[in-house]
Structures are given as C-alpha cells and as structure tokens.
Amino acid sequence: MLIDYIPIFIFFVVAVGFALTTIFLSAIIGKRKTTPQKMIPYECGMDPVGQARKPFSVKFYIIAMLFIIFDIEVVFLYPWAVIFQELKLFGLIEMAIFIGILLVGFIYVWKKGALEWE
C-alpha cells in the first residue's frame, strides 16, 4: 500500500531539496554590498515622501469591499450565459431575480452615500 506513495515522496524530496539548495547557493554565491541607496524603500521609481504608515480613509476600504462584492457577483453571469440555451425561460427568470437583488443592493449602497468619494 505504501509503495504507491513513493513517487509523491520522491517529488516532495526533490522539491524541498531544490528549494534548500537554491537558498544555500544564493547565500554563498550572492553578493552583499549594502549601500544607503539600496536600503531606502522602493516605490515605483520615485523617492519616498513622508511616512509609510499614513492611514487610509475608511471610505477607501468601503469602496474596495463594495467593488469586490459586486465584481464577484457579476462573475456569476458568465456560467449562466454559457448554459443559457439549456435553462430556457427558467434560467432567464432566475437571472432576472439575481440581477434584481444586485440592483436593490446597489441602490441601497448608493442612497446610503457609500459611493461618494469626498
């Protein structure tokens, strides 16, 4: 029974061995020359200005969460569109209900002012 797992064990040993060998060789062969230029934070090629721990507005996180929620929900339209011919009228009604619920949620968020970027 255990003989069936030998290829998996060999693969695991080779993977761990490769990772450890790569880390070991980079520690031995790699150059370490610390300069002040290398030690500054890199931000898209621009010199950093101000504190890195500047707090973001809560609105930023709310907008991000709403984007994720509505974006993920819209992804469910793709599988529906793929099998639309098989679902016929039932699928159309179900998707209309789904989009209606999304629309109600979107209108609620809009009326609450969560999409205002002030």
C-alpha atoms as a PDB file:
ATOM      1  CA  MET A   1       0.000   0.000   0.000  1.00  0.00           C
ATOM      2  CA  LEU A   2       2.761   2.458   0.885  1.00  0.00           C
ATOM      3  CA  ILE A   3       4.638   1.654  -2.308  1.00  0.00           C
ATOM      4  CA  ASP A   4       2.014   3.657  -4.241  1.00  0.00           C
ATOM      5  CA  TYR A   5       3.134   6.816  -2.440  1.00  0.00           C
ATOM      6  CA  ILE A   6       6.830   6.533  -3.329  1.00  0.00           C
ATOM      7  CA  PRO A   7       6.595   8.843  -6.405  1.00  0.00           C
ATOM      8  CA  ILE A   8       4.903  11.520  -4.280  1.00  0.00           C
ATOM      9  CA  PHE A   9       7.581  11.180  -1.611  1.00  0.00           C
ATOM     10  CA  ILE A  10      10.359  11.414  -4.230  1.00  0.00           C
ATOM     11  CA  PHE A  11       8.711  14.512  -5.733  1.00  0.00           C
ATOM     12  CA  PHE A  12       8.480  16.080  -2.263  1.00  0.00           C
ATOM     13  CA  VAL A  13      12.151  15.319  -1.512  1.00  0.00           C
ATOM     14  CA  VAL A  14      13.263  16.767  -4.859  1.00  0.00           C
ATOM     15  CA  ALA A  15      11.153  19.922  -4.360  1.00  0.00           C
ATOM     16  CA  VAL A  16      12.411  20.551  -0.820  1.00  0.00           C
ATOM     17  CA  GLY A  17      15.966  19.728  -1.896  1.00  0.00           C
ATOM     18  CA  PHE A  18      15.774  22.179  -4.783  1.00  0.00           C
ATOM     19  CA  ALA A  19      14.412  24.942  -2.537  1.00  0.00           C
ATOM     20  CA  LEU A  20      17.069  24.395   0.141  1.00  0.00           C
ATOM     21  CA  THR A  21      19.856  24.156  -2.450  1.00  0.00           C
ATOM     22  CA  THR A  22      18.744  27.391  -4.096  1.00  0.00           C
ATOM     23  CA  ILE A  23      18.648  29.233  -0.766  1.00  0.00           C
ATOM     24  CA  PHE A  24      22.016  27.824   0.283  1.00  0.00           C
ATOM     25  CA  LEU A  25      23.725  28.683  -3.022  1.00  0.00           C
ATOM     26  CA  SER A  26      22.312  32.205  -3.089  1.00  0.00           C
ATOM     27  CA  ALA A  27      23.635  32.771   0.438  1.00  0.00           C
ATOM     28  CA  ILE A  28      27.102  31.589  -0.572  1.00  0.00           C
ATOM     29  CA  ILE A  29      27.418  32.959  -4.115  1.00  0.00           C
ATOM     30  CA  GLY A  30      25.302  36.105  -3.855  1.00  0.00           C
ATOM     31  CA  LYS A  31      26.968  39.481  -3.397  1.00  0.00           C
ATOM     32  CA  ARG A  32      26.138  41.530  -0.349  1.00  0.00           C
ATOM     33  CA  LYS A  33      27.085  45.151  -0.695  1.00  0.00           C
ATOM     34  CA  THR A  34      24.810  47.311   1.414  1.00  0.00           C
ATOM     35  CA  THR A  35      24.567  50.924   0.308  1.00  0.00           C
ATOM     36  CA  PRO A  36      22.275  53.686   1.535  1.00  0.00           C
ATOM     37  CA  GLN A  37      20.637  53.741  -1.890  1.00  0.00           C
ATOM     38  CA  LYS A  38      19.709  50.057  -1.608  1.00  0.00           C
ATOM     39  CA  MET A  39      18.276  50.480   1.873  1.00  0.00           C
ATOM     40  CA  ILE A  40      15.577  53.065   1.018  1.00  0.00           C
ATOM     41  CA  PRO A  41      12.062  51.778   0.263  1.00  0.00           C
ATOM     42  CA  TYR A  42      11.330  51.400  -3.429  1.00  0.00           C
ATOM     43  CA  GLU A  43       8.097  52.980  -4.630  1.00  0.00           C
ATOM     44  CA  CYS A  44       7.712  52.739  -8.383  1.00  0.00           C
ATOM     45  CA  GLY A  45      10.975  54.506  -9.093  1.00  0.00           C
ATOM     46  CA  MET A  46      10.038  57.614  -7.106  1.00  0.00           C
ATOM     47  CA  ASP A  47      11.757  58.730  -3.946  1.00  0.00           C
ATOM     48  CA  PRO A  48       9.519  58.099  -0.932  1.00  0.00           C
ATOM     49  CA  VAL A  49       7.946  61.175   0.595  1.00  0.00           C
ATOM     50  CA  GLY A  50       6.561  61.274   4.120  1.00  0.00           C
ATOM     51  CA  GLN A  51       5.627  58.430   6.405  1.00  0.00           C
ATOM     52  CA  ALA A  52       4.937  54.961   5.056  1.00  0.00           C
ATOM     53  CA  ARG A  53       2.338  54.397   7.781  1.00  0.00           C
ATOM     54  CA  LYS A  54      -0.085  57.071   6.627  1.00  0.00           C
ATOM     55  CA  PRO A  55      -3.639  55.872   7.402  1.00  0.00           C
ATOM     56  CA  PHE A  56      -6.126  55.471   4.597  1.00  0.00           C
ATOM     57  CA  SER A  57      -9.638  56.788   4.806  1.00  0.00           C
ATOM     58  CA  VAL A  58     -12.315  54.261   5.766  1.00  0.00           C
ATOM     59  CA  LYS A  59     -14.116  55.246   2.540  1.00  0.00           C
ATOM     60  CA  PHE A  60     -11.267  53.672   0.592  1.00  0.00           C
ATOM     61  CA  TYR A  61     -11.875  50.294   2.232  1.00  0.00           C
ATOM     62  CA  ILE A  62     -15.653  50.553   1.833  1.00  0.00           C
ATOM     63  CA  ILE A  63     -15.303  51.275  -1.883  1.00  0.00           C
ATOM     64  CA  ALA A  64     -12.832  48.395  -2.228  1.00  0.00           C
ATOM     65  CA  MET A  65     -15.148  45.937  -0.451  1.00  0.00           C
ATOM     66  CA  LEU A  66     -18.148  47.035  -2.495  1.00  0.00           C
ATOM     67  CA  PHE A  67     -16.158  46.649  -5.695  1.00  0.00           C
ATOM     68  CA  ILE A  68     -15.139  43.125  -4.711  1.00  0.00           C
ATOM     69  CA  ILE A  69     -18.693  42.162  -3.746  1.00  0.00           C
ATOM     70  CA  PHE A  70     -20.331  43.456  -6.927  1.00  0.00           C
ATOM     71  CA  ASP A  71     -17.474  42.274  -9.137  1.00  0.00           C
ATOM     72  CA  ILE A  72     -17.668  38.728  -7.802  1.00  0.00           C
ATOM     73  CA  GLU A  73     -21.439  38.685  -8.187  1.00  0.00           C
ATOM     74  CA  VAL A  74     -21.186  39.772 -11.808  1.00  0.00           C
ATOM     75  CA  VAL A  75     -18.777  36.875 -12.465  1.00  0.00           C
ATOM     76  CA  PHE A  76     -21.744  34.546 -11.874  1.00  0.00           C
ATOM     77  CA  LEU A  77     -23.245  35.862 -15.114  1.00  0.00           C
ATOM     78  CA  TYR A  78     -20.637  34.024 -17.192  1.00  0.00           C
ATOM     79  CA  PRO A  79     -21.615  30.421 -16.330  1.00  0.00           C
ATOM     80  CA  TRP A  80     -25.255  31.383 -16.772  1.00  0.00           C
ATOM     81  CA  ALA A  81     -24.524  32.769 -20.228  1.00  0.00           C
ATOM     82  CA  VAL A  82     -22.683  29.591 -21.196  1.00  0.00           C
ATOM     83  CA  ILE A  83     -25.671  27.328 -20.438  1.00  0.00           C
ATOM     84  CA  PHE A  84     -28.391  29.848 -21.260  1.00  0.00           C
ATOM     85  CA  GLN A  85     -29.809  27.720 -24.104  1.00  0.00           C
ATOM     86  CA  GLU A  86     -30.331  24.753 -21.765  1.00  0.00           C
ATOM     87  CA  LEU A  87     -32.006  26.763 -18.991  1.00  0.00           C
ATOM     88  CA  LYS A  88     -34.563  28.442 -21.245  1.00  0.00           C
ATOM     89  CA  LEU A  89     -37.236  30.536 -19.507  1.00  0.00           C
ATOM     90  CA  PHE A  90     -36.438  29.220 -16.024  1.00  0.00           C
ATOM     91  CA  GLY A  91     -32.830  30.431 -16.330  1.00  0.00           C
ATOM     92  CA  LEU A  92     -33.947  33.812 -17.596  1.00  0.00           C
ATOM     93  CA  ILE A  93     -36.317  34.297 -14.653  1.00  0.00           C
ATOM     94  CA  GLU A  94     -33.699  33.153 -12.140  1.00  0.00           C
ATOM     95  CA  MET A  95     -31.111  35.543 -13.571  1.00  0.00           C
ATOM     96  CA  ALA A  96     -33.624  38.397 -13.577  1.00  0.00           C
ATOM     97  CA  ILE A  97     -34.229  37.756  -9.864  1.00  0.00           C
ATOM     98  CA  PHE A  98     -30.465  37.613  -9.245  1.00  0.00           C
ATOM     99  CA  ILE A  99     -29.808  40.879 -11.096  1.00  0.00           C
ATOM    100  CA  GLY A 100     -32.784  42.453  -9.311  1.00  0.00           C
ATOM    101  CA  ILE A 101     -31.290  41.579  -5.923  1.00  0.00           C
ATOM    102  CA  LEU A 102     -27.945  43.004  -7.038  1.00  0.00           C
ATOM    103  CA  LEU A 103     -29.681  46.151  -8.255  1.00  0.00           C
ATOM    104  CA  VAL A 104     -31.513  46.579  -4.933  1.00  0.00           C
ATOM    105  CA  GLY A 105     -28.191  46.213  -3.076  1.00  0.00           C
ATOM    106  CA  PHE A 106     -26.501  48.692  -5.389  1.00  0.00           C
ATOM    107  CA  ILE A 107     -29.299  51.256  -4.990  1.00  0.00           C
ATOM    108  CA  TYR A 108     -29.155  50.812  -1.197  1.00  0.00           C
ATOM    109  CA  VAL A 109     -25.402  51.444  -1.161  1.00  0.00           C
ATOM    110  CA  TRP A 110     -25.836  54.431  -3.469  1.00  0.00           C
ATOM    111  CA  LYS A 111     -28.582  56.002  -1.330  1.00  0.00           C
ATOM    112  CA  LYS A 112     -26.505  55.485   1.845  1.00  0.00           C
ATOM    113  CA  GLY A 113     -23.747  57.570   0.227  1.00  0.00           C
ATOM    114  CA  ALA A 114     -21.126  54.833   0.376  1.00  0.00           C
ATOM    115  CA  LEU A 115     -20.051  55.585  -3.199  1.00  0.00           C
ATOM    116  CA  GLU A 116     -19.382  59.275  -2.525  1.00  0.00           C
ATOM    117  CA  TRP A 117     -15.667  59.944  -2.745  1.00  0.00           C
ATOM    118  CA  GLU A 118     -15.129  63.029  -0.633  1.00  0.00           C
END
